[in-house]
Amino acid sequence: MRKAIFVSVAVLALAVALMPARSRAQVAIGVSIRIGPPPIPVYEQPPCPVEGYLWTPGYWAYGPDGYYWVPGVWVAPPRPGLLWTPGYWGWSEGVYVWHPGYWGPHVGFYGGVNYGFGYGGVGFVGGEWRGGHFAYNTAVVRVNETVVHNVYVNKTVIVNNTTVNRVSYNGGPGGIAYHANAAELAAARESHVQPTSAQISHQSMARADRSNWASQNHGRPEHAAMSRVNERERNQQERIGQGVRSGQMTAGETRHVERQEANINREVRQDRAANGGHLTQQEREQVNRQQNHVSREIHQDKHNDRTQEHPHGNDRPRGDEHPHR
């Protein structure tokens, strides 16, 4: 069924590519499936780490193995003056279709989905551009005020982020019954900018981390939000710590993944020192692959039959026994 769905999407994309430009602009290309996404999880927003970054809320994406959570994250907009319109799932003729998000001068229609933190379903009230600087409404969003000073408070726009309604799609059975208003329709006709390379990388990393998949977390991802893209080290350490506390990871399993994390961190420090404090794109991709490998091992360790209380077999570090893992 999944293969047939992806083939049909590819055929649709080819057909749209052959359309005239005017018609093509009116068609949203995305994934379409017959099973609705899980509810939006309730989570805490990390404070904005850098002045000028904007919040992009977390969402459920879809891959070959089902839905996976893409954590909310603070990102740099393509340029000053642009706002983020989140993507959303919409019910259409028996399938759920993903409508990708975009950057633009105004926030458009995102299905009435309450993503929280200023995105209550209509528009955005978490801040506004004032000249070339973004001002944050701290009644709605969190910022690190030691580095972010351009703030204000407007409590009249507060939206309850823990509302019972966490439905993540528009229309269809059980979906949100909301249609675009005039301002949202106008925003849809404006010039848009596609997601940045950092946002694309963020989704790719989320897909590679098995703890984000609904089939594993049952709609409750371990890390629903991040302060920055590529914030892998902290999340990996939290997952390891949780595995140790729950007894899912033995001492040997813990030493093995901790040793790999230490090697990655040492490599990153060396690369940064050699490149004036930065990583090249090739180095970032290499680190991402290494962290994905560790992430898979953490997931496997937490779901195999070994436990700290009742280990099966000898509890030994596996790095020397399995050098090619």
C-alpha atoms as a PDB file:
ATOM      1  CA  MET A   1       0.000   0.000   0.000  1.00  0.00           C
ATOM      2  CA  ARG A   2       2.782   2.468   0.944  1.00  0.00           C
ATOM      3  CA  LYS A   3       4.673   1.741  -2.289  1.00  0.00           C
ATOM      4  CA  ALA A   4       1.531   2.371  -4.316  1.00  0.00           C
ATOM      5  CA  ILE A   5       0.970   5.662  -2.507  1.00  0.00           C
ATOM      6  CA  PHE A   6       4.475   6.945  -3.218  1.00  0.00           C
ATOM      7  CA  VAL A   7       4.210   5.871  -6.875  1.00  0.00           C
ATOM      8  CA  SER A   8       0.943   7.766  -7.217  1.00  0.00           C
ATOM      9  CA  VAL A   9       2.555  10.878  -5.734  1.00  0.00           C
ATOM     10  CA  ALA A  10       5.426  10.606  -8.224  1.00  0.00           C
ATOM     11  CA  VAL A  11       2.972  10.335 -11.118  1.00  0.00           C
ATOM     12  CA  LEU A  12       1.084  13.369  -9.815  1.00  0.00           C
ATOM     13  CA  ALA A  13       4.304  15.349  -9.558  1.00  0.00           C
ATOM     14  CA  LEU A  14       5.186  14.492 -13.171  1.00  0.00           C
ATOM     15  CA  ALA A  15       1.749  15.538 -14.354  1.00  0.00           C
ATOM     16  CA  VAL A  16       2.002  18.839 -12.508  1.00  0.00           C
ATOM     17  CA  ALA A  17       5.449  19.469 -13.982  1.00  0.00           C
ATOM     18  CA  LEU A  18       3.879  19.385 -17.438  1.00  0.00           C
ATOM     19  CA  MET A  19       1.198  21.937 -16.502  1.00  0.00           C
ATOM     20  CA  PRO A  20       1.414  25.601 -17.505  1.00  0.00           C
ATOM     21  CA  ALA A  21       3.094  27.746 -14.846  1.00  0.00           C
ATOM     22  CA  ARG A  22      -0.171  29.476 -13.845  1.00  0.00           C
ATOM     23  CA  SER A  23      -1.941  26.170 -13.187  1.00  0.00           C
ATOM     24  CA  ARG A  24       1.082  24.628 -11.507  1.00  0.00           C
ATOM     25  CA  ALA A  25       1.214  27.446  -8.940  1.00  0.00           C
ATOM     26  CA  GLN A  26      -2.257  26.486  -7.703  1.00  0.00           C
ATOM     27  CA  VAL A  27      -1.391  22.858  -6.911  1.00  0.00           C
ATOM     28  CA  ALA A  28       0.160  21.768  -3.622  1.00  0.00           C
ATOM     29  CA  ILE A  29       2.535  18.854  -4.055  1.00  0.00           C
ATOM     30  CA  GLY A  30       3.072  16.641  -1.021  1.00  0.00           C
ATOM     31  CA  VAL A  31       2.675  13.186   0.433  1.00  0.00           C
ATOM     32  CA  SER A  32      -0.846  11.730   0.572  1.00  0.00           C
ATOM     33  CA  ILE A  33      -1.832   8.786   2.757  1.00  0.00           C
ATOM     34  CA  ARG A  34      -4.986   7.190   4.146  1.00  0.00           C
ATOM     35  CA  ILE A  35      -4.065   7.188   7.853  1.00  0.00           C
ATOM     36  CA  GLY A  36      -4.267  10.457   9.760  1.00  0.00           C
ATOM     37  CA  PRO A  37      -1.290  11.798  11.751  1.00  0.00           C
ATOM     38  CA  PRO A  38      -1.142  11.504  15.570  1.00  0.00           C
ATOM     39  CA  PRO A  39      -2.143  14.459  17.761  1.00  0.00           C
ATOM     40  CA  ILE A  40       0.346  17.279  18.299  1.00  0.00           C
ATOM     41  CA  PRO A  41       2.289  16.400  21.481  1.00  0.00           C
ATOM     42  CA  VAL A  42       2.334  18.824  24.387  1.00  0.00           C
ATOM     43  CA  TYR A  43       5.892  19.999  25.011  1.00  0.00           C
ATOM     44  CA  GLU A  44       7.945  22.849  26.435  1.00  0.00           C
ATOM     45  CA  GLN A  45       9.496  25.377  24.088  1.00  0.00           C
ATOM     46  CA  PRO A  46      13.247  25.938  24.544  1.00  0.00           C
ATOM     47  CA  PRO A  47      14.228  29.608  24.783  1.00  0.00           C
ATOM     48  CA  CYS A  48      15.341  31.374  21.610  1.00  0.00           C
ATOM     49  CA  PRO A  49      19.155  31.112  21.614  1.00  0.00           C
ATOM     50  CA  VAL A  50      20.014  33.879  19.123  1.00  0.00           C
ATOM     51  CA  GLU A  51      18.421  37.220  18.374  1.00  0.00           C
ATOM     52  CA  GLY A  52      16.689  37.142  14.997  1.00  0.00           C
ATOM     53  CA  TYR A  53      15.853  33.416  15.056  1.00  0.00           C
ATOM     54  CA  LEU A  54      12.189  32.478  14.535  1.00  0.00           C
ATOM     55  CA  TRP A  55      10.280  29.548  15.968  1.00  0.00           C
ATOM     56  CA  THR A  56       9.195  26.807  13.550  1.00  0.00           C
ATOM     57  CA  PRO A  57       6.791  24.450  15.356  1.00  0.00           C
ATOM     58  CA  GLY A  58       7.173  20.684  15.357  1.00  0.00           C
ATOM     59  CA  TYR A  59       5.071  18.559  13.015  1.00  0.00           C
ATOM     60  CA  TRP A  60       4.407  14.986  11.934  1.00  0.00           C
ATOM     61  CA  ALA A  61       6.102  14.080   8.651  1.00  0.00           C
ATOM     62  CA  TYR A  62       5.671  10.806   6.781  1.00  0.00           C
ATOM     63  CA  GLY A  63       8.193   8.259   5.544  1.00  0.00           C
ATOM     64  CA  PRO A  64       8.289   4.649   4.342  1.00  0.00           C
ATOM     65  CA  ASP A  65       7.718   3.395   7.911  1.00  0.00           C
ATOM     66  CA  GLY A  66       4.930   5.782   8.825  1.00  0.00           C
ATOM     67  CA  TYR A  67       4.771   9.078  10.680  1.00  0.00           C
ATOM     68  CA  TYR A  68       7.772  10.587  12.437  1.00  0.00           C
ATOM     69  CA  TRP A  69       8.034  13.725  14.535  1.00  0.00           C
ATOM     70  CA  VAL A  70      10.130  16.655  13.343  1.00  0.00           C
ATOM     71  CA  PRO A  71      10.967  18.608  16.540  1.00  0.00           C
ATOM     72  CA  GLY A  72      10.117  22.269  16.801  1.00  0.00           C
ATOM     73  CA  VAL A  73      13.241  24.399  16.464  1.00  0.00           C
ATOM     74  CA  TRP A  74      14.487  27.985  16.348  1.00  0.00           C
ATOM     75  CA  VAL A  75      15.972  28.822  12.931  1.00  0.00           C
ATOM     76  CA  ALA A  76      17.342  31.803  11.049  1.00  0.00           C
ATOM     77  CA  PRO A  77      14.893  33.115   8.425  1.00  0.00           C
ATOM     78  CA  PRO A  78      16.164  33.461   4.837  1.00  0.00           C
ATOM     79  CA  ARG A  79      16.176  37.231   5.293  1.00  0.00           C
ATOM     80  CA  PRO A  80      14.696  39.883   7.620  1.00  0.00           C
ATOM     81  CA  GLY A  81      10.995  40.610   7.223  1.00  0.00           C
ATOM     82  CA  LEU A  82       9.893  37.048   6.496  1.00  0.00           C
ATOM     83  CA  LEU A  83       7.596  34.944   8.679  1.00  0.00           C
ATOM     84  CA  TRP A  84       7.090  31.179   8.735  1.00  0.00           C
ATOM     85  CA  THR A  85       3.791  29.582   7.725  1.00  0.00           C
ATOM     86  CA  PRO A  86       3.818  26.013   9.108  1.00  0.00           C
ATOM     87  CA  GLY A  87       2.932  23.070   6.911  1.00  0.00           C
ATOM     88  CA  TYR A  88      -0.198  21.061   7.689  1.00  0.00           C
ATOM     89  CA  TRP A  89      -2.052  17.866   6.854  1.00  0.00           C
ATOM     90  CA  GLY A  90      -5.387  18.288   5.075  1.00  0.00           C
ATOM     91  CA  TRP A  91      -8.099  15.764   4.233  1.00  0.00           C
ATOM     92  CA  SER A  92      -8.923  15.654   0.518  1.00  0.00           C
ATOM     93  CA  GLU A  93     -10.966  13.056  -1.377  1.00  0.00           C
ATOM     94  CA  GLY A  94     -10.216  10.195   0.994  1.00  0.00           C
ATOM     95  CA  VAL A  95      -6.532  10.842   1.692  1.00  0.00           C
ATOM     96  CA  TYR A  96      -4.430  13.042   3.974  1.00  0.00           C
ATOM     97  CA  VAL A  97      -2.273  15.433   1.953  1.00  0.00           C
ATOM     98  CA  TRP A  98       0.728  17.301   3.313  1.00  0.00           C
ATOM     99  CA  HIS A  99       0.895  21.014   2.454  1.00  0.00           C
ATOM    100  CA  PRO A 100       4.505  22.160   3.006  1.00  0.00           C
ATOM    101  CA  GLY A 101       5.357  25.274   4.994  1.00  0.00           C
ATOM    102  CA  TYR A 102       6.983  28.380   3.517  1.00  0.00           C
ATOM    103  CA  TRP A 103       8.461  31.789   4.313  1.00  0.00           C
ATOM    104  CA  GLY A 104       6.649  34.957   3.310  1.00  0.00           C
ATOM    105  CA  PRO A 105       5.863  38.519   4.396  1.00  0.00           C
ATOM    106  CA  HIS A 106       2.664  37.346   6.116  1.00  0.00           C
ATOM    107  CA  VAL A 107       1.555  34.102   7.754  1.00  0.00           C
ATOM    108  CA  GLY A 108      -0.901  32.206   5.585  1.00  0.00           C
ATOM    109  CA  PHE A 109      -3.295  29.311   6.078  1.00  0.00           C
ATOM    110  CA  TYR A 110      -2.009  26.319   8.042  1.00  0.00           C
ATOM    111  CA  GLY A 111      -5.214  24.390   8.497  1.00  0.00           C
ATOM    112  CA  GLY A 112      -6.314  25.868  11.801  1.00  0.00           C
ATOM    113  CA  VAL A 113      -3.894  23.508  13.578  1.00  0.00           C
ATOM    114  CA  ASN A 114      -2.908  24.712  17.056  1.00  0.00           C
ATOM    115  CA  TYR A 115       0.849  24.235  17.018  1.00  0.00           C
ATOM    116  CA  GLY A 116       1.236  26.453  20.076  1.00  0.00           C
ATOM    117  CA  PHE A 117       3.791  29.159  20.906  1.00  0.00           C
ATOM    118  CA  GLY A 118       2.083  31.849  18.866  1.00  0.00           C
ATOM    119  CA  TYR A 119       0.643  29.523  16.220  1.00  0.00           C
ATOM    120  CA  GLY A 120      -2.824  29.034  17.662  1.00  0.00           C
ATOM    121  CA  GLY A 121      -4.426  27.999  14.376  1.00  0.00           C
ATOM    122  CA  VAL A 122      -4.803  31.404  12.728  1.00  0.00           C
ATOM    123  CA  GLY A 123      -1.901  33.772  12.102  1.00  0.00           C
ATOM    124  CA  PHE A 124       1.072  34.224  14.420  1.00  0.00           C
ATOM    125  CA  VAL A 125       1.203  36.282  17.623  1.00  0.00           C
ATOM    126  CA  GLY A 126       4.651  35.325  18.926  1.00  0.00           C
ATOM    127  CA  GLY A 127       6.359  38.451  17.652  1.00  0.00           C
ATOM    128  CA  GLU A 128       6.722  40.891  14.777  1.00  0.00           C
ATOM    129  CA  TRP A 129       9.326  42.537  12.595  1.00  0.00           C
ATOM    130  CA  ARG A 130      10.155  46.122  13.528  1.00  0.00           C
ATOM    131  CA  GLY A 131      12.398  47.456  10.835  1.00  0.00           C
ATOM    132  CA  GLY A 132      15.155  44.929  10.322  1.00  0.00           C
ATOM    133  CA  HIS A 133      14.852  43.451  13.815  1.00  0.00           C
ATOM    134  CA  PHE A 134      12.446  40.877  15.190  1.00  0.00           C
ATOM    135  CA  ALA A 135      10.653  41.679  18.464  1.00  0.00           C
ATOM    136  CA  TYR A 136       9.531  38.719  20.579  1.00  0.00           C
ATOM    137  CA  ASN A 137       6.249  38.596  22.488  1.00  0.00           C
ATOM    138  CA  THR A 138       7.418  36.915  25.682  1.00  0.00           C
ATOM    139  CA  ALA A 139       3.830  36.376  26.772  1.00  0.00           C
ATOM    140  CA  VAL A 140       3.755  33.632  24.122  1.00  0.00           C
ATOM    141  CA  VAL A 141       7.338  32.557  23.329  1.00  0.00           C
ATOM    142  CA  ARG A 142      10.453  31.938  25.418  1.00  0.00           C
ATOM    143  CA  VAL A 143      13.735  33.716  24.765  1.00  0.00           C
ATOM    144  CA  ASN A 144      17.138  33.762  26.407  1.00  0.00           C
ATOM    145  CA  GLU A 145      16.998  37.363  27.601  1.00  0.00           C
ATOM    146  CA  THR A 146      20.724  37.416  28.311  1.00  0.00           C
ATOM    147  CA  VAL A 147      21.301  37.489  24.535  1.00  0.00           C
ATOM    148  CA  VAL A 148      17.886  38.563  23.203  1.00  0.00           C
ATOM    149  CA  HIS A 149      16.755  42.023  24.314  1.00  0.00           C
ATOM    150  CA  ASN A 150      14.217  43.039  21.675  1.00  0.00           C
ATOM    151  CA  VAL A 151      11.111  41.848  23.531  1.00  0.00           C
ATOM    152  CA  TYR A 152       7.635  43.010  24.518  1.00  0.00           C
ATOM    153  CA  VAL A 153       4.601  41.579  26.321  1.00  0.00           C
ATOM    154  CA  ASN A 154       1.108  41.352  24.851  1.00  0.00           C
ATOM    155  CA  LYS A 155      -1.011  39.039  26.970  1.00  0.00           C
ATOM    156  CA  THR A 156      -4.203  39.744  25.027  1.00  0.00           C
ATOM    157  CA  VAL A 157      -3.107  37.262  22.339  1.00  0.00           C
ATOM    158  CA  ILE A 158      -2.204  34.368  24.653  1.00  0.00           C
ATOM    159  CA  VAL A 159      -3.338  31.002  23.297  1.00  0.00           C
ATOM    160  CA  ASN A 160      -3.600  27.979  25.580  1.00  0.00           C
ATOM    161  CA  ASN A 161      -0.796  25.694  24.401  1.00  0.00           C
ATOM    162  CA  THR A 162      -2.116  22.763  26.437  1.00  0.00           C
ATOM    163  CA  THR A 163      -5.632  22.837  25.036  1.00  0.00           C
ATOM    164  CA  VAL A 164      -7.349  19.460  24.870  1.00  0.00           C
ATOM    165  CA  ASN A 165      -7.694  19.822  21.101  1.00  0.00           C
ATOM    166  CA  ARG A 166      -4.318  18.758  19.694  1.00  0.00           C
ATOM    167  CA  VAL A 167      -5.727  17.547  16.373  1.00  0.00           C
ATOM    168  CA  SER A 168      -2.994  17.752  13.739  1.00  0.00           C
ATOM    169  CA  TYR A 169      -4.989  17.845  10.497  1.00  0.00           C
ATOM    170  CA  ASN A 170      -7.662  19.890   8.747  1.00  0.00           C
ATOM    171  CA  GLY A 171     -10.959  18.450   7.496  1.00  0.00           C
ATOM    172  CA  GLY A 172     -12.108  14.852   7.244  1.00  0.00           C
ATOM    173  CA  PRO A 173     -13.254  12.609  10.097  1.00  0.00           C
ATOM    174  CA  GLY A 174     -12.331  14.184  13.407  1.00  0.00           C
ATOM    175  CA  GLY A 175     -10.329  16.949  11.740  1.00  0.00           C
ATOM    176  CA  ILE A 176     -10.369  20.692  12.286  1.00  0.00           C
ATOM    177  CA  ALA A 177     -13.267  22.404  10.523  1.00  0.00           C
ATOM    178  CA  TYR A 178     -11.634  25.653   9.501  1.00  0.00           C
ATOM    179  CA  HIS A 179     -11.368  27.401   6.137  1.00  0.00           C
ATOM    180  CA  ALA A 180      -8.933  30.089   5.064  1.00  0.00           C
ATOM    181  CA  ASN A 181     -10.011  33.676   5.728  1.00  0.00           C
ATOM    182  CA  ALA A 182      -9.445  36.629   3.406  1.00  0.00           C
ATOM    183  CA  ALA A 183      -6.066  37.557   4.911  1.00  0.00           C
ATOM    184  CA  GLU A 184      -4.799  33.982   4.605  1.00  0.00           C
ATOM    185  CA  LEU A 185      -5.964  33.750   0.997  1.00  0.00           C
ATOM    186  CA  ALA A 186      -4.131  37.000   0.264  1.00  0.00           C
ATOM    187  CA  ALA A 187      -0.974  35.667   1.924  1.00  0.00           C
ATOM    188  CA  ALA A 188      -1.147  32.568  -0.282  1.00  0.00           C
ATOM    189  CA  ARG A 189      -0.848  34.796  -3.373  1.00  0.00           C
ATOM    190  CA  GLU A 190       2.308  36.526  -2.141  1.00  0.00           C
ATOM    191  CA  SER A 191       5.832  35.592  -3.152  1.00  0.00           C
ATOM    192  CA  HIS A 192       7.107  32.715  -1.012  1.00  0.00           C
ATOM    193  CA  VAL A 193      10.528  31.367  -0.057  1.00  0.00           C
ATOM    194  CA  GLN A 194      11.043  27.639   0.399  1.00  0.00           C
ATOM    195  CA  PRO A 195      12.389  26.088   3.650  1.00  0.00           C
ATOM    196  CA  THR A 196      16.064  26.792   4.244  1.00  0.00           C
ATOM    197  CA  SER A 197      18.804  24.186   3.938  1.00  0.00           C
ATOM    198  CA  ALA A 198      18.984  24.101   7.755  1.00  0.00           C
ATOM    199  CA  GLN A 199      15.283  23.207   7.943  1.00  0.00           C
ATOM    200  CA  ILE A 200      15.687  20.487   5.326  1.00  0.00           C
ATOM    201  CA  SER A 201      18.680  19.071   7.209  1.00  0.00           C
ATOM    202  CA  HIS A 202      16.652  19.187  10.435  1.00  0.00           C
ATOM    203  CA  GLN A 203      13.883  17.061   8.925  1.00  0.00           C
ATOM    204  CA  SER A 204      16.401  14.594   7.501  1.00  0.00           C
ATOM    205  CA  MET A 205      18.004  14.138  10.906  1.00  0.00           C
ATOM    206  CA  ALA A 206      14.597  13.707  12.536  1.00  0.00           C
ATOM    207  CA  ARG A 207      13.735  10.985  10.052  1.00  0.00           C
ATOM    208  CA  ALA A 208      17.004   9.142  10.767  1.00  0.00           C
ATOM    209  CA  ASP A 209      16.364   9.110  14.529  1.00  0.00           C
ATOM    210  CA  ARG A 210      14.146   6.107  15.278  1.00  0.00           C
ATOM    211  CA  SER A 211      12.993   7.616  18.565  1.00  0.00           C
ATOM    212  CA  ASN A 212      11.021  10.166  16.523  1.00  0.00           C
ATOM    213  CA  TRP A 213       8.907   7.539  14.741  1.00  0.00           C
ATOM    214  CA  ALA A 214       5.319   7.168  15.954  1.00  0.00           C
ATOM    215  CA  SER A 215       5.647   3.394  15.618  1.00  0.00           C
ATOM    216  CA  GLN A 216       8.262   3.584  18.390  1.00  0.00           C
ATOM    217  CA  ASN A 217       7.146   6.513  20.571  1.00  0.00           C
ATOM    218  CA  HIS A 218       3.372   5.988  20.161  1.00  0.00           C
ATOM    219  CA  GLY A 219       2.832   9.674  19.542  1.00  0.00           C
ATOM    220  CA  ARG A 220       5.023  10.859  22.435  1.00  0.00           C
ATOM    221  CA  PRO A 221       8.495  11.726  21.066  1.00  0.00           C
ATOM    222  CA  GLU A 222      11.319  11.896  23.599  1.00  0.00           C
ATOM    223  CA  HIS A 223      12.589  15.215  22.228  1.00  0.00           C
ATOM    224  CA  ALA A 224       9.711  17.237  20.833  1.00  0.00           C
ATOM    225  CA  ALA A 225      11.699  20.483  20.531  1.00  0.00           C
ATOM    226  CA  MET A 226      15.258  21.759  20.075  1.00  0.00           C
ATOM    227  CA  SER A 227      16.836  25.174  20.495  1.00  0.00           C
ATOM    228  CA  ARG A 228      19.011  24.792  17.392  1.00  0.00           C
ATOM    229  CA  VAL A 229      19.292  22.661  14.278  1.00  0.00           C
ATOM    230  CA  ASN A 230      21.917  19.890  14.654  1.00  0.00           C
ATOM    231  CA  GLU A 231      21.461  19.845  18.416  1.00  0.00           C
ATOM    232  CA  ARG A 232      22.230  16.149  18.583  1.00  0.00           C
ATOM    233  CA  GLU A 233      24.753  15.716  21.395  1.00  0.00           C
ATOM    234  CA  ARG A 234      22.438  16.878  24.196  1.00  0.00           C
ATOM    235  CA  ASN A 235      19.549  14.797  22.923  1.00  0.00           C
ATOM    236  CA  GLN A 236      21.701  11.680  22.588  1.00  0.00           C
ATOM    237  CA  GLN A 237      22.959  12.095  26.154  1.00  0.00           C
ATOM    238  CA  GLU A 238      19.403  12.512  27.461  1.00  0.00           C
ATOM    239  CA  ARG A 239      18.331   9.336  25.677  1.00  0.00           C
ATOM    240  CA  ILE A 240      21.285   7.424  27.121  1.00  0.00           C
ATOM    241  CA  GLY A 241      20.520   8.751  30.594  1.00  0.00           C
ATOM    242  CA  GLN A 242      16.891   7.731  30.299  1.00  0.00           C
ATOM    243  CA  GLY A 243      17.942   4.249  29.184  1.00  0.00           C
ATOM    244  CA  VAL A 244      20.237   3.894  32.192  1.00  0.00           C
ATOM    245  CA  ARG A 245      17.611   5.139  34.656  1.00  0.00           C
ATOM    246  CA  SER A 246      14.955   2.801  33.283  1.00  0.00           C
ATOM    247  CA  GLY A 247      17.330  -0.188  33.263  1.00  0.00           C
ATOM    248  CA  GLN A 248      16.874  -0.650  29.497  1.00  0.00           C
ATOM    249  CA  MET A 249      20.591  -0.148  28.867  1.00  0.00           C
ATOM    250  CA  THR A 250      23.232  -2.265  30.574  1.00  0.00           C
ATOM    251  CA  ALA A 251      26.562  -0.888  31.789  1.00  0.00           C
ATOM    252  CA  GLY A 252      28.325  -2.388  28.763  1.00  0.00           C
ATOM    253  CA  GLU A 253      25.831  -0.908  26.301  1.00  0.00           C
ATOM    254  CA  THR A 254      26.158   2.485  27.990  1.00  0.00           C
ATOM    255  CA  ARG A 255      29.973   2.447  27.861  1.00  0.00           C
ATOM    256  CA  HIS A 256      29.854   1.482  24.194  1.00  0.00           C
ATOM    257  CA  VAL A 257      27.650   4.372  23.039  1.00  0.00           C
ATOM    258  CA  GLU A 258      29.301   6.864  25.406  1.00  0.00           C
ATOM    259  CA  ARG A 259      32.679   5.977  23.863  1.00  0.00           C
ATOM    260  CA  GLN A 260      31.278   6.624  20.393  1.00  0.00           C
ATOM    261  CA  GLU A 261      29.811   9.982  21.502  1.00  0.00           C
ATOM    262  CA  ALA A 262      33.191  10.981  22.961  1.00  0.00           C
ATOM    263  CA  ASN A 263      34.926  10.107  19.681  1.00  0.00           C
ATOM    264  CA  ILE A 264      32.428  12.190  17.686  1.00  0.00           C
ATOM    265  CA  ASN A 265      32.824  15.168  20.018  1.00  0.00           C
ATOM    266  CA  ARG A 266      36.632  14.963  19.800  1.00  0.00           C
ATOM    267  CA  GLU A 267      36.440  14.857  16.012  1.00  0.00           C
ATOM    268  CA  VAL A 268      34.131  17.895  15.961  1.00  0.00           C
ATOM    269  CA  ARG A 269      36.494  19.888  18.199  1.00  0.00           C
ATOM    270  CA  GLN A 270      39.456  19.031  15.981  1.00  0.00           C
ATOM    271  CA  ASP A 271      37.580  19.968  12.796  1.00  0.00           C
ATOM    272  CA  ARG A 272      36.413  23.267  14.279  1.00  0.00           C
ATOM    273  CA  ALA A 273      39.936  24.099  15.432  1.00  0.00           C
ATOM    274  CA  ALA A 274      41.241  23.444  11.922  1.00  0.00           C
ATOM    275  CA  ASN A 275      38.536  25.584  10.261  1.00  0.00           C
ATOM    276  CA  GLY A 276      38.438  28.698  12.415  1.00  0.00           C
ATOM    277  CA  GLY A 277      35.610  27.483  14.642  1.00  0.00           C
ATOM    278  CA  HIS A 278      33.336  26.186  11.866  1.00  0.00           C
ATOM    279  CA  LEU A 279      32.524  22.872  10.226  1.00  0.00           C
ATOM    280  CA  THR A 280      32.460  22.412   6.471  1.00  0.00           C
ATOM    281  CA  GLN A 281      29.313  20.991   4.861  1.00  0.00           C
ATOM    282  CA  GLN A 282      31.134  17.695   4.279  1.00  0.00           C
ATOM    283  CA  GLU A 283      32.153  17.546   7.942  1.00  0.00           C
ATOM    284  CA  ARG A 284      28.598  18.288   9.061  1.00  0.00           C
ATOM    285  CA  GLU A 285      27.282  15.461   6.907  1.00  0.00           C
ATOM    286  CA  GLN A 286      29.904  13.095   8.322  1.00  0.00           C
ATOM    287  CA  VAL A 287      28.981  14.019  11.912  1.00  0.00           C
ATOM    288  CA  ASN A 288      25.299  13.594  11.077  1.00  0.00           C
ATOM    289  CA  ARG A 289      25.928  10.079   9.730  1.00  0.00           C
ATOM    290  CA  GLN A 290      27.909   9.171  12.841  1.00  0.00           C
ATOM    291  CA  GLN A 291      25.222  10.511  15.167  1.00  0.00           C
ATOM    292  CA  ASN A 292      22.549   8.639  13.206  1.00  0.00           C
ATOM    293  CA  HIS A 293      24.515   5.432  13.746  1.00  0.00           C
ATOM    294  CA  VAL A 294      24.744   6.076  17.504  1.00  0.00           C
ATOM    295  CA  SER A 295      21.043   6.933  17.585  1.00  0.00           C
ATOM    296  CA  ARG A 296      20.164   3.582  16.032  1.00  0.00           C
ATOM    297  CA  GLU A 297      22.367   1.770  18.532  1.00  0.00           C
ATOM    298  CA  ILE A 298      20.724   3.574  21.455  1.00  0.00           C
ATOM    299  CA  HIS A 299      17.316   2.579  20.123  1.00  0.00           C
ATOM    300  CA  GLN A 300      18.395  -1.052  19.677  1.00  0.00           C
ATOM    301  CA  ASP A 301      19.953  -1.173  23.152  1.00  0.00           C
ATOM    302  CA  LYS A 302      16.785   0.173  24.752  1.00  0.00           C
ATOM    303  CA  HIS A 303      14.565  -2.335  22.977  1.00  0.00           C
ATOM    304  CA  ASN A 304      16.579  -5.564  23.062  1.00  0.00           C
ATOM    305  CA  ASP A 305      16.148  -8.180  25.795  1.00  0.00           C
ATOM    306  CA  ARG A 306      19.120  -7.028  27.865  1.00  0.00           C
ATOM    307  CA  THR A 307      18.341  -5.058  31.026  1.00  0.00           C
ATOM    308  CA  GLN A 308      20.494  -3.775  33.850  1.00  0.00           C
ATOM    309  CA  GLU A 309      18.531  -5.813  36.389  1.00  0.00           C
ATOM    310  CA  HIS A 310      18.290  -9.021  34.358  1.00  0.00           C
ATOM    311  CA  PRO A 311      21.108  -9.058  31.765  1.00  0.00           C
ATOM    312  CA  HIS A 312      21.185 -11.838  29.201  1.00  0.00           C
ATOM    313  CA  GLY A 313      24.703 -13.044  28.685  1.00  0.00           C
ATOM    314  CA  ASN A 314      27.870 -11.270  29.752  1.00  0.00           C
ATOM    315  CA  ASP A 315      27.687  -7.526  30.308  1.00  0.00           C
ATOM    316  CA  ARG A 316      30.744  -6.486  28.323  1.00  0.00           C
ATOM    317  CA  PRO A 317      31.541  -3.474  26.157  1.00  0.00           C
ATOM    318  CA  ARG A 318      30.739  -4.412  22.586  1.00  0.00           C
ATOM    319  CA  GLY A 319      33.073  -2.042  20.775  1.00  0.00           C
ATOM    320  CA  ASP A 320      36.004  -4.473  20.723  1.00  0.00           C
ATOM    321  CA  GLU A 321      33.807  -7.496  19.985  1.00  0.00           C
ATOM    322  CA  HIS A 322      31.995  -5.903  17.055  1.00  0.00           C
ATOM    323  CA  PRO A 323      34.454  -3.508  15.386  1.00  0.00           C
ATOM    324  CA  HIS A 324      32.309  -3.123  12.282  1.00  0.00           C
ATOM    325  CA  ARG A 325      29.039  -2.212  13.974  1.00  0.00           C
END
